[in-house]
Amino acid sequence: MNAQKKAIIAAVAVILALILIVAVYTLKQTSGQQPQQLLQLQDQSQNQAPTPAQNEEVAPMVDDSMTYQNETYNFSLVFPRAWQGYKTANRMLSWGSLGTSNSIDFGFVEQPSLFNISVHTAAQWKNIISMEGPKPVYLGEDGVYVYAYALAQDAGNETLRSRFAEVADILKTFSLENK
């Protein structure tokens, strides 16, 4: 009888684990949340009239070097050749009572955001790092803005997983340009 009870408990535990896995998978599939939204950031771009900075575009290449240069915030990143055809899109992030900040998503048509760089005032950044829960990771600052990044939770297919694995090396190339 003791062995039978253990077998029943084990079976119930397996069934509950499967139900939990299916529920999480279903929630993830039906929620349509981007990784930054999982950080409890609200995408407000749908509530605003599109501006040229918010329109999706193919990222510019400089001298065929796969260098992305952001003229608005004066930073650059260097991408490996495998990132040919990547896209950027600006998006306004809401931090609740801390206000909003601009961000740039980097990804591909199949997954528009493999990573994101957000731009903050120094005061806003100080408040963000003191809040509970997940936060973007500090990249640098230029006396005007503090730059941080957030990663996607996962990549949608094998090719994107290969690109996702390269993000850490791309972020190492983050450079603030002289104004």
Protein backbone atom coordinates (compact mmCIF):
# COMPACT_ATOMS: atom_id res chain seq x y z
CA MET A 1 0.00 0.00 0.00
CA ASN A 2 2.86 2.39 0.80
CA ALA A 3 4.43 1.88 -2.65
CA GLN A 4 1.02 2.37 -4.25
CA LYS A 5 0.54 5.72 -2.45
CA LYS A 6 3.98 6.86 -3.60
CA ALA A 7 3.14 5.94 -7.20
CA ILE A 8 -0.14 7.88 -7.02
CA ILE A 9 1.59 10.93 -5.55
CA ALA A 10 4.28 10.77 -8.26
CA ALA A 11 1.63 10.50 -10.99
CA VAL A 12 -0.30 13.47 -9.60
CA ALA A 13 2.92 15.50 -9.42
CA VAL A 14 3.73 14.71 -13.06
CA ILE A 15 0.21 15.63 -14.18
CA LEU A 16 0.33 18.93 -12.26
CA ALA A 17 3.74 19.74 -13.76
CA LEU A 18 2.40 19.07 -17.28
CA ILE A 19 -0.64 21.26 -16.64
CA LEU A 20 1.63 24.07 -15.41
CA ILE A 21 3.89 23.79 -18.46
CA VAL A 22 0.92 23.87 -20.84
CA ALA A 23 -0.60 26.84 -18.99
CA VAL A 24 2.64 28.86 -19.14
CA TYR A 25 3.13 28.01 -22.82
CA THR A 26 -0.46 28.95 -23.65
CA LEU A 27 -0.21 32.21 -21.71
CA LYS A 28 3.02 33.10 -23.49
CA GLN A 29 1.53 32.32 -26.92
CA THR A 30 -1.73 34.18 -26.36
CA SER A 31 -0.37 37.22 -24.53
CA GLY A 32 1.77 38.47 -27.43
CA GLN A 33 4.09 40.14 -24.96
CA GLN A 34 7.50 41.36 -26.00
CA PRO A 35 10.39 40.71 -23.58
CA GLN A 36 10.37 44.33 -22.43
CA GLN A 37 6.69 44.03 -21.59
CA LEU A 38 7.65 41.17 -19.32
CA LEU A 39 9.64 43.79 -17.44
CA GLN A 40 6.25 45.39 -16.85
CA LEU A 41 6.96 48.09 -19.37
CA GLN A 42 4.01 49.26 -21.37
CA ASP A 43 4.36 49.74 -25.12
CA GLN A 44 2.73 53.11 -25.71
CA SER A 45 3.60 53.41 -29.38
CA GLN A 46 0.04 52.46 -30.39
CA ASN A 47 -1.32 55.44 -28.46
CA GLN A 48 0.83 57.99 -30.24
CA ALA A 49 0.90 59.27 -33.78
CA PRO A 50 3.86 57.64 -35.54
CA THR A 51 6.89 59.83 -35.96
CA PRO A 52 9.86 59.04 -38.17
CA ALA A 53 11.77 57.89 -35.07
CA GLN A 54 9.05 55.35 -34.28
CA ASN A 55 8.72 53.86 -37.75
CA GLU A 56 10.46 50.56 -38.32
CA GLU A 57 13.37 50.76 -40.72
CA VAL A 58 16.23 48.68 -41.97
CA ALA A 59 19.21 49.77 -39.91
CA PRO A 60 21.76 51.84 -41.83
CA MET A 61 25.19 50.46 -42.57
CA VAL A 62 28.18 52.79 -42.56
CA ASP A 63 30.96 52.08 -45.05
CA ASP A 64 29.74 48.48 -45.39
CA SER A 65 31.06 47.81 -41.88
CA MET A 66 27.78 46.70 -40.24
CA THR A 67 28.06 49.57 -37.80
CA TYR A 68 24.80 50.98 -36.48
CA GLN A 69 25.00 54.66 -35.59
CA ASN A 70 22.21 56.36 -33.71
CA GLU A 71 22.36 60.05 -34.58
CA THR A 72 19.69 61.03 -32.04
CA TYR A 73 21.47 59.59 -28.99
CA ASN A 74 25.04 59.52 -30.38
CA PHE A 75 25.91 55.87 -29.84
CA SER A 76 27.04 53.06 -32.10
CA LEU A 77 27.08 49.26 -32.17
CA VAL A 78 28.98 46.88 -34.43
CA PHE A 79 27.10 43.84 -35.76
CA PRO A 80 28.52 40.64 -37.22
CA ARG A 81 27.82 39.95 -40.91
CA ALA A 82 25.23 37.34 -39.92
CA TRP A 83 23.04 40.25 -38.79
CA GLN A 84 22.73 41.54 -42.36
CA GLY A 85 19.18 42.84 -42.80
CA TYR A 86 18.46 43.41 -39.11
CA LYS A 87 15.82 45.99 -38.29
CA THR A 88 15.44 48.69 -35.68
CA ALA A 89 12.29 50.25 -34.33
CA ASN A 90 11.92 53.01 -31.76
CA ARG A 91 9.42 52.47 -29.01
CA MET A 92 8.34 54.58 -26.04
CA LEU A 93 8.48 52.68 -22.74
CA SER A 94 6.36 53.56 -19.72
CA TRP A 95 7.88 53.26 -16.27
CA GLY A 96 4.64 54.11 -14.46
CA SER A 97 5.16 56.95 -12.00
CA LEU A 98 8.77 57.32 -13.22
CA GLY A 99 7.63 58.54 -16.64
CA THR A 100 8.58 57.32 -20.08
CA SER A 101 11.79 56.76 -21.98
CA ASN A 102 12.66 56.09 -25.58
CA SER A 103 14.08 52.75 -26.59
CA ILE A 104 15.40 51.10 -29.74
CA ASP A 105 14.53 47.47 -30.53
CA PHE A 106 17.01 45.43 -32.58
CA GLY A 107 15.84 42.29 -34.33
CA PHE A 108 14.51 40.80 -37.53
CA VAL A 109 11.16 40.58 -39.29
CA GLU A 110 10.43 37.24 -37.57
CA GLN A 111 11.23 38.69 -34.13
CA PRO A 112 11.46 42.48 -34.01
CA SER A 113 13.22 42.61 -30.64
CA LEU A 114 16.09 40.31 -29.76
CA PHE A 115 17.42 43.11 -27.60
CA ASN A 116 16.52 46.66 -26.73
CA ILE A 117 18.51 49.73 -25.74
CA SER A 118 16.67 52.22 -23.55
CA VAL A 119 17.64 55.83 -22.91
CA HIS A 120 17.02 57.50 -19.53
CA THR A 121 17.70 60.72 -17.69
CA ALA A 122 20.10 60.32 -14.77
CA ALA A 123 17.30 60.97 -12.24
CA GLN A 124 15.00 58.45 -13.90
CA TRP A 125 17.75 55.82 -14.01
CA LYS A 126 18.45 56.28 -10.29
CA ASN A 127 14.77 55.54 -9.58
CA ILE A 128 14.61 52.60 -12.00
CA ILE A 129 17.55 50.79 -10.42
CA SER A 130 15.98 51.16 -6.98
CA MET A 131 12.65 49.60 -8.01
CA GLU A 132 11.71 45.98 -7.39
CA GLY A 133 11.79 43.35 -10.13
CA PRO A 134 13.66 42.97 -13.40
CA LYS A 135 15.39 46.02 -14.79
CA PRO A 136 17.47 46.86 -17.83
CA VAL A 137 21.25 46.46 -17.53
CA TYR A 138 23.50 49.53 -17.47
CA LEU A 139 25.58 50.16 -20.63
CA GLY A 140 27.00 53.64 -20.11
CA GLU A 141 26.23 57.33 -19.79
CA ASP A 142 27.25 60.55 -21.47
CA GLY A 143 26.36 63.27 -18.95
CA VAL A 144 22.91 63.72 -20.51
CA TYR A 145 21.54 60.17 -20.78
CA VAL A 146 22.02 56.79 -19.18
CA TYR A 147 21.88 53.85 -21.61
CA ALA A 148 20.73 50.36 -20.65
CA TYR A 149 19.70 47.15 -22.40
CA ALA A 150 17.19 44.36 -21.99
CA LEU A 151 17.28 40.98 -23.74
CA ALA A 152 14.47 38.96 -25.24
CA GLN A 153 13.47 36.00 -23.13
CA ASP A 154 13.99 33.59 -26.03
CA ALA A 155 14.44 33.48 -29.78
CA GLY A 156 11.71 32.12 -32.03
CA ASN A 157 13.67 29.70 -34.22
CA GLU A 158 17.13 28.17 -34.68
CA THR A 159 18.45 30.97 -36.89
CA LEU A 160 17.27 33.60 -34.41
CA ARG A 161 18.77 31.60 -31.54
CA SER A 162 22.13 31.86 -33.34
CA ARG A 163 21.67 35.63 -33.68
CA PHE A 164 20.53 35.86 -30.04
CA ALA A 165 23.76 34.12 -28.97
CA GLU A 166 25.70 36.96 -30.63
CA VAL A 167 23.97 39.76 -28.70
CA ALA A 168 26.46 39.78 -25.81
CA ASP A 169 29.32 40.41 -28.26
CA ILE A 170 27.31 43.14 -30.02
CA LEU A 171 26.64 44.88 -26.71
CA LYS A 172 30.37 44.86 -25.93
CA THR A 173 30.82 47.17 -28.95
CA PHE A 174 28.46 49.83 -27.51
CA SER A 175 30.24 53.13 -27.92
CA LEU A 176 29.20 56.69 -27.14
CA GLU A 177 30.17 59.10 -29.89
CA ASN A 178 31.57 62.56 -29.28
CA LYS A 179 28.90 65.26 -29.61
